[in-house]
């Protein structure tokens, strides 16, 4: 049998056996002459980035499509924290949690002891509803708790896993230790420490969140100029009565007068006080439940409790 005939018979046999479906063809090896031509790893091209004037134009459009909480709402949370803080600090310390990571004088943290899940193991535990061994927290969360106040003051009820159409919640200053930009974005001797350890109290801080149009979410995630603008807008709204950051940290000044918050048209702050008392009662009740928990359940376990 000639080699060509033998190859044809083999191909036909493989076809009848379905081998063409179950075994993908082996990729051809790189020819020797091509391998010899490759020297090292070639870099991707470097493409042009937006200029500062480009970003300024984008910022002028963005500022009108960002929603911040009304200052009266944040002020009520700060005042209630002043009343609750001594008791909550003792309770957190008794559970091996550093209270200063969540509570500081004048803060707007809504649920001290609740932080975002970090890393593959914690994410898996959370989404599978497993009771995880959590460090430095009462509870892991996936942005459920930061949205509670928004839902109460805008809808009159607890958050129900859906938000305003076309908008997403954004944190203004990083709260997780992983890839934390505090050392670059903030001023003060504590900024480098924050970059290493994070500041989980910012996760549920009412002064550290805003709803941003989904069309602009990526730019505000990655542009230092846009992020700084929103951080300073929060400071304008709440800085008179709220300590947005712990002592020793502050937000950087604008790079030029063109970036002053007064140079932009801003959407009016949102939310009314109609259901504010109901929210404050809800959070006290939630904090009592969290403090009573023997272990550290994932949020789904906690919500299943009677």
Protein backbone atom coordinates (compact mmCIF):
# COMPACT_ATOMS: atom_id res chain seq x y z
CA UNK A 1 0.00 0.00 0.00
CA UNK A 2 1.47 3.36 -1.03
CA UNK A 3 1.91 6.08 1.56
CA UNK A 4 -0.74 8.28 -0.11
CA UNK A 5 -3.28 5.44 -0.08
CA UNK A 6 -2.42 4.59 3.52
CA UNK A 7 -3.01 8.24 4.54
CA UNK A 8 -6.36 8.31 2.72
CA UNK A 9 -7.52 5.11 4.47
CA UNK A 10 -6.47 6.51 7.85
CA UNK A 11 -8.37 9.76 7.26
CA UNK A 12 -11.50 7.85 6.21
CA UNK A 13 -11.29 5.59 9.28
CA UNK A 14 -10.93 8.63 11.55
CA UNK A 15 -13.90 10.26 9.87
CA UNK A 16 -16.12 7.19 10.41
CA UNK A 17 -15.03 6.98 14.04
CA UNK A 18 -15.91 10.63 14.67
CA UNK A 19 -12.35 11.54 15.50
CA UNK A 20 -12.77 14.79 13.61
CA UNK A 21 -15.33 15.86 16.25
CA UNK A 22 -13.66 14.66 19.44
CA UNK A 23 -10.03 15.51 18.78
CA UNK A 24 -9.11 18.96 17.46
CA UNK A 25 -6.31 19.11 14.95
CA UNK A 26 -2.88 19.68 16.39
CA UNK A 27 -1.56 23.15 15.71
CA UNK A 28 1.28 23.33 13.27
CA UNK A 29 4.62 23.93 14.87
CA UNK A 30 6.36 27.24 14.29
CA UNK A 31 8.77 26.83 11.36
CA UNK A 32 12.43 26.94 12.30
CA UNK A 33 13.08 29.95 10.09
CA UNK A 34 10.32 31.90 11.93
CA UNK A 35 11.69 30.86 15.34
CA UNK A 36 15.11 32.12 14.29
CA UNK A 37 13.61 35.46 13.26
CA UNK A 38 11.98 36.03 16.68
CA UNK A 39 14.32 37.81 19.03
CA UNK A 40 12.90 38.63 22.47
CA UNK A 41 9.39 39.90 23.25
CA UNK A 42 8.00 42.75 21.18
CA UNK A 43 6.16 45.50 23.07
CA UNK A 44 2.67 46.66 22.18
CA UNK A 45 2.50 50.05 20.49
CA UNK A 46 2.06 53.11 22.70
CA UNK A 47 -1.06 55.01 21.58
CA UNK A 48 -2.01 58.60 22.26
CA UNK A 49 -3.82 59.38 25.51
CA UNK A 50 -6.44 62.11 26.11
CA UNK A 51 -4.90 65.50 26.80
CA UNK A 52 -5.83 67.57 29.84
CA UNK A 53 -8.13 69.80 27.73
CA UNK A 54 -9.84 66.63 26.45
CA UNK A 55 -10.39 65.44 30.03
CA UNK A 56 -11.65 68.88 31.03
CA UNK A 57 -14.34 68.66 28.37
CA UNK A 58 -15.27 65.19 29.59
CA UNK A 59 -15.40 66.43 33.18
CA UNK A 60 -17.83 69.20 32.25
CA UNK A 61 -20.21 66.62 30.84
CA UNK A 62 -19.62 64.22 33.73
CA UNK A 63 -20.32 66.70 36.52
CA UNK A 64 -23.94 67.07 35.42
CA UNK A 65 -24.43 63.28 35.48
CA UNK A 66 -23.15 62.47 38.97
CA UNK A 67 -25.56 62.18 41.87
CA UNK A 68 -24.42 62.86 45.44
CA UNK A 69 -26.53 62.45 48.56
CA UNK A 70 -28.08 65.59 50.00
CA UNK A 71 -25.86 67.05 52.75
CA UNK A 72 -28.70 66.83 55.31
CA UNK A 73 -28.72 63.04 54.91
CA UNK A 74 -24.98 62.69 55.44
CA UNK A 75 -25.13 65.11 58.39
CA UNK A 76 -27.79 62.93 60.06
CA UNK A 77 -25.56 59.85 59.71
CA UNK A 78 -22.55 61.72 61.12
CA UNK A 79 -24.64 62.87 64.10
CA UNK A 80 -25.98 59.39 64.76
CA UNK A 81 -22.45 57.99 64.57
CA UNK A 82 -21.44 60.40 67.30
CA UNK A 83 -24.10 58.87 69.54
CA UNK A 84 -23.40 55.24 68.61
CA UNK A 85 -19.61 55.31 68.27
CA UNK A 86 -18.60 54.66 71.91
CA UNK A 87 -20.76 51.52 72.10
CA UNK A 88 -19.80 50.28 68.66
CA UNK A 89 -16.08 50.78 69.27
CA UNK A 90 -16.21 48.63 72.39
CA UNK A 91 -18.22 45.93 70.58
CA UNK A 92 -15.82 45.84 67.61
CA UNK A 93 -12.76 45.71 69.82
CA UNK A 94 -14.34 42.85 71.77
CA UNK A 95 -14.56 40.87 68.53
CA UNK A 96 -10.92 41.44 67.63
CA UNK A 97 -11.65 44.19 65.09
CA UNK A 98 -9.77 47.48 65.04
CA UNK A 99 -12.55 50.07 65.50
CA UNK A 100 -10.36 52.88 64.11
CA UNK A 101 -10.37 51.20 60.70
CA UNK A 102 -14.12 51.86 60.54
CA UNK A 103 -14.92 54.69 62.93
CA UNK A 104 -13.25 58.05 63.44
CA UNK A 105 -14.55 61.35 64.77
CA UNK A 106 -16.96 62.94 62.31
CA UNK A 107 -17.09 59.94 59.96
CA UNK A 108 -20.10 58.96 57.85
CA UNK A 109 -19.55 55.17 58.02
CA UNK A 110 -22.98 53.54 57.98
CA UNK A 111 -22.17 49.93 58.91
CA UNK A 112 -18.86 49.73 60.81
CA UNK A 113 -17.43 46.23 60.65
CA UNK A 114 -18.80 45.54 57.15
CA UNK A 115 -16.23 45.47 54.37
CA UNK A 116 -15.95 44.35 50.76
CA UNK A 117 -14.82 40.79 50.07
CA UNK A 118 -11.22 40.69 48.86
CA UNK A 119 -9.42 37.89 47.02
CA UNK A 120 -10.60 34.71 45.32
CA UNK A 121 -11.20 32.74 48.53
CA UNK A 122 -13.42 35.39 50.12
CA UNK A 123 -15.33 35.98 46.89
CA UNK A 124 -16.00 32.24 46.55
CA UNK A 125 -17.10 31.94 50.19
CA UNK A 126 -19.43 34.89 49.79
CA UNK A 127 -21.12 33.78 46.58
CA UNK A 128 -21.50 30.18 47.79
CA UNK A 129 -22.98 31.34 51.09
CA UNK A 130 -20.28 29.62 53.13
CA UNK A 131 -19.48 30.73 56.65
CA UNK A 132 -16.06 32.17 56.10
CA UNK A 133 -13.30 32.89 58.59
CA UNK A 134 -13.24 36.65 58.11
CA UNK A 135 -10.40 38.79 59.40
CA UNK A 136 -10.85 42.37 60.51
CA UNK A 137 -14.60 42.48 59.89
CA UNK A 138 -18.00 41.39 61.13
CA UNK A 139 -19.26 40.72 57.63
CA UNK A 140 -18.26 40.55 53.97
CA UNK A 141 -20.40 42.33 51.40
CA UNK A 142 -20.65 43.00 47.66
CA UNK A 143 -21.94 46.63 47.62
CA UNK A 144 -25.28 45.73 49.22
CA UNK A 145 -24.81 47.77 52.39
CA UNK A 146 -23.42 50.98 50.82
CA UNK A 147 -26.60 51.22 48.73
CA UNK A 148 -29.01 50.94 51.65
CA UNK A 149 -29.21 54.65 52.46
CA UNK A 150 -29.71 55.52 48.80
CA UNK A 151 -32.62 53.11 48.52
CA UNK A 152 -34.26 54.40 51.69
CA UNK A 153 -34.03 58.12 50.88
CA UNK A 154 -34.97 57.68 47.22
CA UNK A 155 -37.46 54.80 47.39
CA UNK A 156 -38.54 54.52 51.01
CA UNK A 157 -37.45 50.88 51.39
CA UNK A 158 -34.35 48.68 51.78
CA UNK A 159 -32.13 47.96 48.80
CA UNK A 160 -33.51 45.17 46.59
CA UNK A 161 -30.66 44.28 44.20
CA UNK A 162 -31.51 46.80 41.51
CA UNK A 163 -30.60 50.44 41.14
CA UNK A 164 -31.35 53.49 39.00
CA UNK A 165 -31.32 52.68 35.29
CA UNK A 166 -28.08 53.63 33.57
CA UNK A 167 -26.23 54.50 36.78
CA UNK A 168 -23.82 52.60 39.00
CA UNK A 169 -22.53 53.24 42.50
CA UNK A 170 -18.94 54.47 42.63
CA UNK A 171 -16.60 54.77 45.61
CA UNK A 172 -14.70 58.06 45.49
CA UNK A 173 -11.65 57.04 47.55
CA UNK A 174 -10.33 53.47 47.55
CA UNK A 175 -11.26 51.38 50.59
CA UNK A 176 -9.59 48.02 49.81
CA UNK A 177 -5.90 47.41 50.37
CA UNK A 178 -5.53 45.69 46.99
CA UNK A 179 -4.26 48.20 44.40
CA UNK A 180 -5.16 51.04 46.75
CA UNK A 181 -4.34 54.46 45.27
CA UNK A 182 -4.36 56.35 48.55
CA UNK A 183 -0.62 56.99 48.52
CA UNK A 184 -0.95 58.74 45.12
CA UNK A 185 -4.33 60.42 45.49
CA UNK A 186 -4.25 61.64 49.09
CA UNK A 187 -2.02 63.91 51.11
CA UNK A 188 -0.63 63.13 54.55
CA UNK A 189 1.72 60.86 56.42
CA UNK A 190 -0.98 58.18 56.72
CA UNK A 191 -1.52 57.93 52.94
CA UNK A 192 1.20 55.33 52.44
CA UNK A 193 -0.15 53.27 55.34
CA UNK A 194 -3.62 53.39 53.84
CA UNK A 195 -2.18 52.13 50.58
CA UNK A 196 -0.86 49.07 52.39
CA UNK A 197 -3.80 48.30 54.68
CA UNK A 198 -6.78 50.02 53.07
CA UNK A 199 -9.50 51.77 54.99
CA UNK A 200 -12.60 49.55 55.15
CA UNK A 201 -14.66 52.25 56.87
CA UNK A 202 -14.85 54.06 53.53
CA UNK A 203 -16.72 51.09 52.03
CA UNK A 204 -20.04 52.04 53.66
CA UNK A 205 -19.32 55.76 54.13
CA UNK A 206 -22.24 57.85 52.89
CA UNK A 207 -19.75 60.61 52.06
CA UNK A 208 -17.61 58.31 49.90
CA UNK A 209 -20.19 57.16 47.34
CA UNK A 210 -21.95 58.68 44.37
CA UNK A 211 -24.07 57.34 41.54
CA UNK A 212 -22.30 57.89 38.22
CA UNK A 213 -23.71 57.43 34.74
CA UNK A 214 -22.57 54.05 33.46
CA UNK A 215 -21.19 55.77 30.35
CA UNK A 216 -18.62 57.52 32.53
CA UNK A 217 -17.79 54.81 35.05
CA UNK A 218 -14.53 53.62 33.50
CA UNK A 219 -13.07 57.13 33.10
CA UNK A 220 -13.82 57.90 36.75
CA UNK A 221 -12.24 54.59 37.74
CA UNK A 222 -8.95 55.24 35.99
CA UNK A 223 -8.46 58.99 35.48
CA UNK A 224 -6.74 60.66 38.47
CA UNK A 225 -8.02 64.09 37.40
CA UNK A 226 -11.66 62.97 37.24
CA UNK A 227 -11.40 61.02 40.48
CA UNK A 228 -9.89 64.02 42.27
CA UNK A 229 -12.67 66.25 40.96
CA UNK A 230 -15.38 64.01 42.43
CA UNK A 231 -13.50 63.65 45.71
CA UNK A 232 -13.30 67.43 46.04
CA UNK A 233 -16.98 67.79 45.17
CA UNK A 234 -17.81 65.50 48.11
CA UNK A 235 -15.57 67.60 50.34
CA UNK A 236 -17.44 70.74 49.23
CA UNK A 237 -20.79 69.18 50.08
CA UNK A 238 -19.93 67.47 53.37
CA UNK A 239 -16.62 68.86 54.63
CA UNK A 240 -18.22 71.45 56.90
CA UNK A 241 -19.65 68.80 59.25
CA UNK A 242 -18.09 65.48 58.17
CA UNK A 243 -14.55 64.14 58.40
CA UNK A 244 -14.43 62.32 55.07
CA UNK A 245 -11.05 60.76 55.90
CA UNK A 246 -9.32 59.89 59.17
CA UNK A 247 -7.02 62.42 60.79
CA UNK A 248 -3.78 62.82 58.87
CA UNK A 249 -5.31 62.37 55.43
CA UNK A 250 -6.68 64.96 53.02
CA UNK A 251 -7.70 65.21 49.37
CA UNK A 252 -5.26 66.79 46.94
CA UNK A 253 -5.86 70.31 45.67
CA UNK A 254 -6.77 70.79 41.97
CA UNK A 255 -3.90 70.89 39.48
CA UNK A 256 -5.11 74.28 38.22
CA UNK A 257 -7.93 76.77 38.69
CA UNK A 258 -9.61 75.25 35.62
CA UNK A 259 -10.29 72.15 37.74
CA UNK A 260 -11.82 74.00 40.70
CA UNK A 261 -15.23 72.52 41.52
CA UNK A 262 -16.79 75.98 41.15
CA UNK A 263 -15.93 75.88 37.42
CA UNK A 264 -18.38 73.02 36.80
CA UNK A 265 -22.16 72.71 36.62
CA UNK A 266 -23.28 70.04 39.07
CA UNK A 267 -26.50 68.06 39.39
CA UNK A 268 -28.45 68.85 42.54
CA UNK A 269 -27.84 66.48 45.49
CA UNK A 270 -30.56 63.85 45.84
CA UNK A 271 -32.67 62.31 48.58
CA UNK A 272 -35.17 63.58 51.11
CA UNK A 273 -35.52 63.22 54.85
CA UNK A 274 -38.93 61.52 54.62
CA UNK A 275 -37.53 58.06 55.33
CA UNK A 276 -34.28 59.03 57.01
CA UNK A 277 -35.44 58.09 60.51
CA UNK A 278 -36.52 54.71 59.14
CA UNK A 279 -33.06 54.16 57.65
CA UNK A 280 -31.32 55.04 60.92
CA UNK A 281 -33.54 52.57 62.76
CA UNK A 282 -32.82 49.92 60.12
CA UNK A 283 -29.07 50.33 60.45
CA UNK A 284 -29.18 50.18 64.27
CA UNK A 285 -31.12 46.95 63.98
CA UNK A 286 -28.65 45.55 61.43
CA UNK A 287 -25.69 46.49 63.61
CA UNK A 288 -27.29 44.71 66.58
CA UNK A 289 -27.70 41.58 64.47
CA UNK A 290 -24.12 41.74 63.26
CA UNK A 291 -22.76 42.26 66.74
CA UNK A 292 -24.82 39.35 68.08
CA UNK A 293 -23.52 36.94 65.44
CA UNK A 294 -21.36 34.21 67.01
CA UNK A 295 -19.33 33.70 63.83
CA UNK A 296 -18.86 35.76 60.68
CA UNK A 297 -21.56 34.70 58.22
CA UNK A 298 -21.68 35.80 54.64
CA UNK A 299 -24.45 38.31 54.04
CA UNK A 300 -26.71 35.71 52.42
CA UNK A 301 -26.57 33.59 55.57
CA UNK A 302 -27.40 36.59 57.70
CA UNK A 303 -30.40 37.55 55.62
CA UNK A 304 -31.74 34.02 55.96
CA UNK A 305 -31.85 34.31 59.77
CA UNK A 306 -35.31 34.81 61.27
